[in-house]
Amino acid sequence: MKRVVVETLHLQTEVLGDVSLGEACQLCHVEIEFVHALIEEGALELADGHSVLDRGQFARLRKAVRLHKDLGVNPPGVALALELMDQL
């Protein structure tokens, strides 16, 4: 069961279930290449090896997008920042 609620002004998104990479890119307004770069850096993991993100990984993608868009951090820097935030 997938439920997605989006408020475009603040990008408030609720996901119950998996989201495809294409859907995730549309919801986060990001290119698929950026997501693939995050996967290569180890910052994101696909659900069961498929091309979908589970709820937790989608939330992680949203953090990554904010770091990238708001602060201009590149994918390797995003991966490092997320790793350091995980350790806190």
PDB file of N, CA and C in Angstrom:
ATOM      1  N   MET A   1       0.846  -1.180   0.000  1.00  0.00           N
ATOM      2  CA  MET A   1       0.000   0.000   0.000  1.00  0.00           C
ATOM      3  C   MET A   1       0.884   1.233   0.000  1.00  0.00           C
ATOM      4  N   LYS A   2       0.697   2.054  -1.003  1.00  0.00           N
ATOM      5  CA  LYS A   2       1.506   3.264  -1.105  1.00  0.00           C
ATOM      6  C   LYS A   2       0.597   4.465  -0.972  1.00  0.00           C
ATOM      7  N   ARG A   3       1.010   5.392  -0.131  1.00  0.00           N
ATOM      8  CA  ARG A   3       0.271   6.639   0.047  1.00  0.00           C
ATOM      9  C   ARG A   3       1.281   7.767   0.019  1.00  0.00           C
ATOM     10  N   VAL A   4       1.096   8.683  -0.878  1.00  0.00           N
ATOM     11  CA  VAL A   4       2.014   9.805  -0.989  1.00  0.00           C
ATOM     12  C   VAL A   4       1.210  11.083  -0.873  1.00  0.00           C
ATOM     13  N   VAL A   5       1.591  11.936   0.055  1.00  0.00           N
ATOM     14  CA  VAL A   5       0.956  13.228   0.249  1.00  0.00           C
ATOM     15  C   VAL A   5       2.037  14.279   0.060  1.00  0.00           C
ATOM     16  N   VAL A   6       1.806  15.220  -0.847  1.00  0.00           N
ATOM     17  CA  VAL A   6       2.813  16.228  -1.130  1.00  0.00           C
ATOM     18  C   VAL A   6       2.206  17.612  -1.028  1.00  0.00           C
ATOM     19  N   GLU A   7       2.853  18.482  -0.262  1.00  0.00           N
ATOM     20  CA  GLU A   7       2.538  19.905  -0.247  1.00  0.00           C
ATOM     21  C   GLU A   7       3.717  20.570  -0.926  1.00  0.00           C
ATOM     22  N   THR A   8       3.513  21.115  -2.120  1.00  0.00           N
ATOM     23  CA  THR A   8       4.631  21.607  -2.910  1.00  0.00           C
ATOM     24  C   THR A   8       5.363  22.770  -2.255  1.00  0.00           C
ATOM     25  N   LEU A   9       4.702  23.592  -1.466  1.00  0.00           N
ATOM     26  CA  LEU A   9       5.355  24.755  -0.885  1.00  0.00           C
ATOM     27  C   LEU A   9       6.475  24.364   0.071  1.00  0.00           C
ATOM     28  N   HIS A  10       6.244  23.391   0.920  1.00  0.00           N
ATOM     29  CA  HIS A  10       7.240  22.989   1.915  1.00  0.00           C
ATOM     30  C   HIS A  10       7.771  21.582   1.684  1.00  0.00           C
ATOM     31  N   LEU A  11       7.357  20.932   0.597  1.00  0.00           N
ATOM     32  CA  LEU A  11       7.736  19.560   0.289  1.00  0.00           C
ATOM     33  C   LEU A  11       7.498  18.637   1.484  1.00  0.00           C
ATOM     34  N   GLN A  12       6.304  18.721   2.046  1.00  0.00           N
ATOM     35  CA  GLN A  12       5.904  17.807   3.099  1.00  0.00           C
ATOM     36  C   GLN A  12       5.417  16.532   2.420  1.00  0.00           C
ATOM     37  N   THR A  13       6.109  15.436   2.616  1.00  0.00           N
ATOM     38  CA  THR A  13       5.800  14.201   1.927  1.00  0.00           C
ATOM     39  C   THR A  13       5.658  13.075   2.940  1.00  0.00           C
ATOM     40  N   GLU A  14       4.588  12.353   2.823  1.00  0.00           N
ATOM     41  CA  GLU A  14       4.382  11.177   3.660  1.00  0.00           C
ATOM     42  C   GLU A  14       4.351   9.976   2.744  1.00  0.00           C
ATOM     43  N   VAL A  15       5.196   9.017   3.003  1.00  0.00           N
ATOM     44  CA  VAL A  15       5.267   7.834   2.171  1.00  0.00           C
ATOM     45  C   VAL A  15       5.022   6.625   3.049  1.00  0.00           C
ATOM     46  N   LEU A  16       4.057   5.831   2.680  1.00  0.00           N
ATOM     47  CA  LEU A  16       3.792   4.558   3.344  1.00  0.00           C
ATOM     48  C   LEU A  16       4.016   3.480   2.293  1.00  0.00           C
ATOM     49  N   GLY A  17       5.195   2.902   2.277  1.00  0.00           N
ATOM     50  CA  GLY A  17       5.525   1.911   1.267  1.00  0.00           C
ATOM     51  C   GLY A  17       6.678   2.375   0.404  1.00  0.00           C
ATOM     52  N   ASP A  18       7.001   1.570  -0.583  1.00  0.00           N
ATOM     53  CA  ASP A  18       8.130   1.844  -1.448  1.00  0.00           C
ATOM     54  C   ASP A  18       7.773   2.869  -2.517  1.00  0.00           C
ATOM     55  N   VAL A  19       8.792   3.577  -2.979  1.00  0.00           N
ATOM     56  CA  VAL A  19       8.650   4.588  -4.019  1.00  0.00           C
ATOM     57  C   VAL A  19       9.679   4.268  -5.096  1.00  0.00           C
ATOM     58  N   SER A  20       9.272   4.256  -6.349  1.00  0.00           N
ATOM     59  CA  SER A  20      10.227   3.996  -7.427  1.00  0.00           C
ATOM     60  C   SER A  20      11.208   5.158  -7.533  1.00  0.00           C
ATOM     61  N   LEU A  21      12.333   4.907  -8.175  1.00  0.00           N
ATOM     62  CA  LEU A  21      13.322   5.967  -8.337  1.00  0.00           C
ATOM     63  C   LEU A  21      12.754   7.125  -9.136  1.00  0.00           C
ATOM     64  N   GLY A  22      11.958   6.820 -10.152  1.00  0.00           N
ATOM     65  CA  GLY A  22      11.335   7.873 -10.953  1.00  0.00           C
ATOM     66  C   GLY A  22      10.397   8.729 -10.130  1.00  0.00           C
ATOM     67  N   GLU A  23       9.575   8.083  -9.300  1.00  0.00           N
ATOM     68  CA  GLU A  23       8.663   8.829  -8.427  1.00  0.00           C
ATOM     69  C   GLU A  23       9.437   9.666  -7.425  1.00  0.00           C
ATOM     70  N   ALA A  24      10.497   9.103  -6.863  1.00  0.00           N
ATOM     71  CA  ALA A  24      11.302   9.831  -5.887  1.00  0.00           C
ATOM     72  C   ALA A  24      11.922  11.073  -6.519  1.00  0.00           C
ATOM     73  N   CYS A  25      12.402  10.934  -7.738  1.00  0.00           N
ATOM     74  CA  CYS A  25      12.998  12.084  -8.435  1.00  0.00           C
ATOM     75  C   CYS A  25      11.955  13.167  -8.685  1.00  0.00           C
ATOM     76  N   GLN A  26      10.757  12.773  -9.077  1.00  0.00           N
ATOM     77  CA  GLN A  26       9.690  13.750  -9.310  1.00  0.00           C
ATOM     78  C   GLN A  26       9.298  14.447  -8.023  1.00  0.00           C
ATOM     79  N   LEU A  27       9.158  13.697  -6.943  1.00  0.00           N
ATOM     80  CA  LEU A  27       8.743  14.276  -5.672  1.00  0.00           C
ATOM     81  C   LEU A  27       9.796  15.213  -5.097  1.00  0.00           C
ATOM     82  N   CYS A  28      11.072  14.891  -5.318  1.00  0.00           N
ATOM     83  CA  CYS A  28      12.155  15.694  -4.757  1.00  0.00           C
ATOM     84  C   CYS A  28      12.707  16.718  -5.750  1.00  0.00           C
ATOM     85  N   HIS A  29      12.181  16.722  -6.957  1.00  0.00           N
ATOM     86  CA  HIS A  29      12.636  17.662  -7.993  1.00  0.00           C
ATOM     87  C   HIS A  29      14.141  17.556  -8.206  1.00  0.00           C
ATOM     88  N   VAL A  30      14.596  16.334  -8.487  1.00  0.00           N
ATOM     89  CA  VAL A  30      16.013  16.067  -8.672  1.00  0.00           C
ATOM     90  C   VAL A  30      16.190  15.118  -9.861  1.00  0.00           C
ATOM     91  N   GLU A  31      17.345  15.194 -10.500  1.00  0.00           N
ATOM     92  CA  GLU A  31      17.651  14.336 -11.636  1.00  0.00           C
ATOM     93  C   GLU A  31      18.018  12.933 -11.167  1.00  0.00           C
ATOM     94  N   ILE A  32      17.705  11.931 -12.006  1.00  0.00           N
ATOM     95  CA  ILE A  32      18.000  10.537 -11.677  1.00  0.00           C
ATOM     96  C   ILE A  32      19.510  10.319 -11.521  1.00  0.00           C
ATOM     97  N   GLU A  33      20.312  11.083 -12.250  1.00  0.00           N
ATOM     98  CA  GLU A  33      21.770  10.949 -12.155  1.00  0.00           C
ATOM     99  C   GLU A  33      22.270  11.273 -10.747  1.00  0.00           C
ATOM    100  N   PHE A  34      21.639  12.246 -10.106  1.00  0.00           N
ATOM    101  CA  PHE A  34      22.012  12.593  -8.729  1.00  0.00           C
ATOM    102  C   PHE A  34      21.721  11.421  -7.799  1.00  0.00           C
ATOM    103  N   VAL A  35      20.581  10.793  -7.975  1.00  0.00           N
ATOM    104  CA  VAL A  35      20.223   9.639  -7.134  1.00  0.00           C
ATOM    105  C   VAL A  35      21.188   8.494  -7.383  1.00  0.00           C
ATOM    106  N   HIS A  36      21.515   8.235  -8.635  1.00  0.00           N
ATOM    107  CA  HIS A  36      22.479   7.169  -8.947  1.00  0.00           C
ATOM    108  C   HIS A  36      23.847   7.476  -8.333  1.00  0.00           C
ATOM    109  N   ALA A  37      24.253   8.737  -8.344  1.00  0.00           N
ATOM    110  CA  ALA A  37      25.524   9.117  -7.726  1.00  0.00           C
ATOM    111  C   ALA A  37      25.503   8.842  -6.223  1.00  0.00           C
ATOM    112  N   LEU A  38      24.368   9.124  -5.577  1.00  0.00           N
ATOM    113  CA  LEU A  38      24.250   8.843  -4.140  1.00  0.00           C
ATOM    114  C   LEU A  38      24.296   7.349  -3.865  1.00  0.00           C
ATOM    115  N   ILE A  39      23.696   6.562  -4.745  1.00  0.00           N
ATOM    116  CA  ILE A  39      23.731   5.099  -4.588  1.00  0.00           C
ATOM    117  C   ILE A  39      25.169   4.606  -4.743  1.00  0.00           C
ATOM    118  N   GLU A  40      25.897   5.129  -5.744  1.00  0.00           N
ATOM    119  CA  GLU A  40      27.299   4.735  -5.952  1.00  0.00           C
ATOM    120  C   GLU A  40      28.177   5.118  -4.768  1.00  0.00           C
ATOM    121  N   GLU A  41      27.870   6.242  -4.128  1.00  0.00           N
ATOM    122  CA  GLU A  41      28.639   6.696  -2.962  1.00  0.00           C
ATOM    123  C   GLU A  41      28.266   5.925  -1.696  1.00  0.00           C
ATOM    124  N   GLY A  42      27.222   5.129  -1.754  1.00  0.00           N
ATOM    125  CA  GLY A  42      26.780   4.367  -0.591  1.00  0.00           C
ATOM    126  C   GLY A  42      25.866   5.141   0.341  1.00  0.00           C
ATOM    127  N   ALA A  43      25.395   6.309  -0.107  1.00  0.00           N
ATOM    128  CA  ALA A  43      24.527   7.136   0.728  1.00  0.00           C
ATOM    129  C   ALA A  43      23.091   6.634   0.726  1.00  0.00           C
ATOM    130  N   LEU A  44      22.699   5.923  -0.323  1.00  0.00           N
ATOM    131  CA  LEU A  44      21.349   5.363  -0.430  1.00  0.00           C
ATOM    132  C   LEU A  44      21.435   3.896  -0.776  1.00  0.00           C
ATOM    133  N   GLU A  45      20.449   3.144  -0.308  1.00  0.00           N
ATOM    134  CA  GLU A  45      20.364   1.724  -0.633  1.00  0.00           C
ATOM    135  C   GLU A  45      18.987   1.444  -1.211  1.00  0.00           C
ATOM    136  N   LEU A  46      18.965   0.660  -2.277  1.00  0.00           N
ATOM    137  CA  LEU A  46      17.696   0.298  -2.891  1.00  0.00           C
ATOM    138  C   LEU A  46      17.048  -0.829  -2.101  1.00  0.00           C
ATOM    139  N   ALA A  47      15.738  -0.814  -2.040  1.00  0.00           N
ATOM    140  CA  ALA A  47      14.989  -1.838  -1.297  1.00  0.00           C
ATOM    141  C   ALA A  47      15.110  -3.176  -2.019  1.00  0.00           C
ATOM    142  N   ASP A  48      15.667  -4.158  -1.346  1.00  0.00           N
ATOM    143  CA  ASP A  48      15.810  -5.514  -1.869  1.00  0.00           C
ATOM    144  C   ASP A  48      16.500  -5.559  -3.226  1.00  0.00           C
ATOM    145  N   GLY A  49      17.416  -4.619  -3.484  1.00  0.00           N
ATOM    146  CA  GLY A  49      18.152  -4.612  -4.733  1.00  0.00           C
ATOM    147  C   GLY A  49      17.361  -4.165  -5.941  1.00  0.00           C
ATOM    148  N   HIS A  50      16.124  -3.762  -5.740  1.00  0.00           N
ATOM    149  CA  HIS A  50      15.293  -3.298  -6.846  1.00  0.00           C
ATOM    150  C   HIS A  50      15.454  -1.789  -7.007  1.00  0.00           C
ATOM    151  N   SER A  51      14.833  -1.247  -8.014  1.00  0.00           N
ATOM    152  CA  SER A  51      14.950   0.203  -8.249  1.00  0.00           C
ATOM    153  C   SER A  51      13.842   0.958  -7.533  1.00  0.00           C
ATOM    154  N   VAL A  52      13.720   0.689  -6.231  1.00  0.00           N
ATOM    155  CA  VAL A  52      12.760   1.394  -5.385  1.00  0.00           C
ATOM    156  C   VAL A  52      13.427   1.774  -4.068  1.00  0.00           C
ATOM    157  N   LEU A  53      12.922   2.835  -3.468  1.00  0.00           N
ATOM    158  CA  LEU A  53      13.393   3.273  -2.161  1.00  0.00           C
ATOM    159  C   LEU A  53      12.306   2.993  -1.142  1.00  0.00           C
ATOM    160  N   ASP A  54      12.684   2.450   0.007  1.00  0.00           N
ATOM    161  CA  ASP A  54      11.699   2.280   1.069  1.00  0.00           C
ATOM    162  C   ASP A  54      11.510   3.616   1.771  1.00  0.00           C
ATOM    163  N   ARG A  55      10.628   3.625   2.729  1.00  0.00           N
ATOM    164  CA  ARG A  55      10.262   4.862   3.426  1.00  0.00           C
ATOM    165  C   ARG A  55      11.467   5.566   4.048  1.00  0.00           C
ATOM    166  N   GLY A  56      12.333   4.812   4.698  1.00  0.00           N
ATOM    167  CA  GLY A  56      13.506   5.389   5.344  1.00  0.00           C
ATOM    168  C   GLY A  56      14.505   5.946   4.346  1.00  0.00           C
ATOM    169  N   GLN A  57      14.717   5.224   3.262  1.00  0.00           N
ATOM    170  CA  GLN A  57      15.647   5.688   2.239  1.00  0.00           C
ATOM    171  C   GLN A  57      15.105   6.904   1.493  1.00  0.00           C
ATOM    172  N   PHE A  58      13.779   6.981   1.349  1.00  0.00           N
ATOM    173  CA  PHE A  58      13.192   8.165   0.722  1.00  0.00           C
ATOM    174  C   PHE A  58      13.420   9.394   1.614  1.00  0.00           C
ATOM    175  N   ALA A  59      13.264   9.235   2.921  1.00  0.00           N
ATOM    176  CA  ALA A  59      13.530  10.337   3.853  1.00  0.00           C
ATOM    177  C   ALA A  59      15.003  10.745   3.781  1.00  0.00           C
ATOM    178  N   ARG A  60      15.877   9.765   3.640  1.00  0.00           N
ATOM    179  CA  ARG A  60      17.310  10.038   3.508  1.00  0.00           C
ATOM    180  C   ARG A  60      17.593  10.803   2.216  1.00  0.00           C
ATOM    181  N   LEU A  61      16.908  10.442   1.136  1.00  0.00           N
ATOM    182  CA  LEU A  61      17.058  11.157  -0.127  1.00  0.00           C
ATOM    183  C   LEU A  61      16.640  12.610   0.034  1.00  0.00           C
ATOM    184  N   ARG A  62      15.560  12.855   0.748  1.00  0.00           N
ATOM    185  CA  ARG A  62      15.108  14.233   0.963  1.00  0.00           C
ATOM    186  C   ARG A  62      16.170  15.051   1.697  1.00  0.00           C
ATOM    187  N   LYS A  63      16.826  14.451   2.698  1.00  0.00           N
ATOM    188  CA  LYS A  63      17.923  15.132   3.398  1.00  0.00           C
ATOM    189  C   LYS A  63      19.057  15.426   2.433  1.00  0.00           C
ATOM    190  N   ALA A  64      19.383  14.439   1.606  1.00  0.00           N
ATOM    191  CA  ALA A  64      20.469  14.600   0.640  1.00  0.00           C
ATOM    192  C   ALA A  64      20.167  15.724  -0.339  1.00  0.00           C
ATOM    193  N   VAL A  65      18.940  15.796  -0.792  1.00  0.00           N
ATOM    194  CA  VAL A  65      18.549  16.842  -1.743  1.00  0.00           C
ATOM    195  C   VAL A  65      18.660  18.211  -1.092  1.00  0.00           C
ATOM    196  N   ARG A  66      18.244  18.330   0.170  1.00  0.00           N
ATOM    197  CA  ARG A  66      18.359  19.615   0.863  1.00  0.00           C
ATOM    198  C   ARG A  66      19.823  20.031   1.013  1.00  0.00           C
ATOM    199  N   LEU A  67      20.697  19.092   1.354  1.00  0.00           N
ATOM    200  CA  LEU A  67      22.122  19.401   1.460  1.00  0.00           C
ATOM    201  C   LEU A  67      22.667  19.872   0.114  1.00  0.00           C
ATOM    202  N   HIS A  68      22.252  19.198  -0.940  1.00  0.00           N
ATOM    203  CA  HIS A  68      22.744  19.515  -2.282  1.00  0.00           C
ATOM    204  C   HIS A  68      22.222  20.867  -2.774  1.00  0.00           C
ATOM    205  N   LYS A  69      20.918  21.070  -2.657  1.00  0.00           N
ATOM    206  CA  LYS A  69      20.320  22.290  -3.198  1.00  0.00           C
ATOM    207  C   LYS A  69      20.557  23.514  -2.313  1.00  0.00           C
ATOM    208  N   ASP A  70      20.427  23.355  -1.017  1.00  0.00           N
ATOM    209  CA  ASP A  70      20.559  24.502  -0.114  1.00  0.00           C
ATOM    210  C   ASP A  70      22.005  24.907   0.128  1.00  0.00           C
ATOM    211  N   LEU A  71      22.897  23.915   0.218  1.00  0.00           N
ATOM    212  CA  LEU A  71      24.281  24.207   0.573  1.00  0.00           C
ATOM    213  C   LEU A  71      25.271  23.965  -0.564  1.00  0.00           C
ATOM    214  N   GLY A  72      24.786  23.406  -1.674  1.00  0.00           N
ATOM    215  CA  GLY A  72      25.662  23.163  -2.810  1.00  0.00           C
ATOM    216  C   GLY A  72      26.649  22.025  -2.610  1.00  0.00           C
ATOM    217  N   VAL A  73      26.315  21.072  -1.759  1.00  0.00           N
ATOM    218  CA  VAL A  73      27.205  19.954  -1.469  1.00  0.00           C
ATOM    219  C   VAL A  73      27.112  18.929  -2.606  1.00  0.00           C
ATOM    220  N   ASN A  74      28.266  18.431  -3.070  1.00  0.00           N
ATOM    221  CA  ASN A  74      28.276  17.432  -4.135  1.00  0.00           C
ATOM    222  C   ASN A  74      27.971  16.044  -3.560  1.00  0.00           C
ATOM    223  N   PRO A  75      27.682  15.035  -4.423  1.00  0.00           N
ATOM    224  CA  PRO A  75      27.303  13.706  -3.912  1.00  0.00           C
ATOM    225  C   PRO A  75      28.289  13.083  -2.930  1.00  0.00           C
ATOM    226  N   PRO A  76      29.614  13.133  -3.159  1.00  0.00           N
ATOM    227  CA  PRO A  76      30.505  12.571  -2.133  1.00  0.00           C
ATOM    228  C   PRO A  76      30.389  13.313  -0.792  1.00  0.00           C
ATOM    229  N   GLY A  77      30.234  14.615  -0.845  1.00  0.00           N
ATOM    230  CA  GLY A  77      30.062  15.392   0.383  1.00  0.00           C
ATOM    231  C   GLY A  77      28.749  15.087   1.074  1.00  0.00           C
ATOM    232  N   VAL A  78      27.711  14.877   0.286  1.00  0.00           N
ATOM    233  CA  VAL A  78      26.410  14.501   0.850  1.00  0.00           C
ATOM    234  C   VAL A  78      26.530  13.167   1.569  1.00  0.00           C
ATOM    235  N   ALA A  79      27.204  12.205   0.933  1.00  0.00           N
ATOM    236  CA  ALA A  79      27.379  10.884   1.551  1.00  0.00           C
ATOM    237  C   ALA A  79      28.110  11.001   2.879  1.00  0.00           C
ATOM    238  N   LEU A  80      29.159  11.804   2.909  1.00  0.00           N
ATOM    239  CA  LEU A  80      29.921  12.003   4.149  1.00  0.00           C
ATOM    240  C   LEU A  80      29.061  12.680   5.214  1.00  0.00           C
ATOM    241  N   ALA A  81      28.328  13.715   4.819  1.00  0.00           N
ATOM    242  CA  ALA A  81      27.472  14.421   5.784  1.00  0.00           C
ATOM    243  C   ALA A  81      26.414  13.499   6.368  1.00  0.00           C
ATOM    244  N   LEU A  82      25.789  12.690   5.521  1.00  0.00           N
ATOM    245  CA  LEU A  82      24.771  11.761   6.014  1.00  0.00           C
ATOM    246  C   LEU A  82      25.369  10.728   6.963  1.00  0.00           C
ATOM    247  N   GLU A  83      26.572  10.249   6.635  1.00  0.00           N
ATOM    248  CA  GLU A  83      27.244   9.291   7.504  1.00  0.00           C
ATOM    249  C   GLU A  83      27.535   9.915   8.866  1.00  0.00           C
ATOM    250  N   LEU A  84      28.012  11.150   8.867  1.00  0.00           N
ATOM    251  CA  LEU A  84      28.306  11.823  10.131  1.00  0.00           C
ATOM    252  C   LEU A  84      27.026  12.084  10.928  1.00  0.00           C
ATOM    253  N   MET A  85      25.937  12.443  10.252  1.00  0.00           N
ATOM    254  CA  MET A  85      24.661  12.639  10.953  1.00  0.00           C
ATOM    255  C   MET A  85      24.160  11.332  11.552  1.00  0.00           C
ATOM    256  N   ASP A  86      24.414  10.212  10.860  1.00  0.00           N
ATOM    257  CA  ASP A  86      24.011   8.906  11.392  1.00  0.00           C
ATOM    258  C   ASP A  86      24.742   8.591  12.690  1.00  0.00           C
ATOM    259  N   GLN A  87      25.983   9.031  12.772  1.00  0.00           N
ATOM    260  CA  GLN A  87      26.797   8.746  13.953  1.00  0.00           C
ATOM    261  C   GLN A  87      26.394   9.564  15.172  1.00  0.00           C
ATOM    262  N   LEU A  88      25.712  10.696  14.926  1.00  0.00           N
ATOM    263  CA  LEU A  88      25.324  11.545  16.054  1.00  0.00           C
ATOM    264  C   LEU A  88      24.231  10.943  16.838  1.00  0.00           C
TER     265      LEU A  88
END
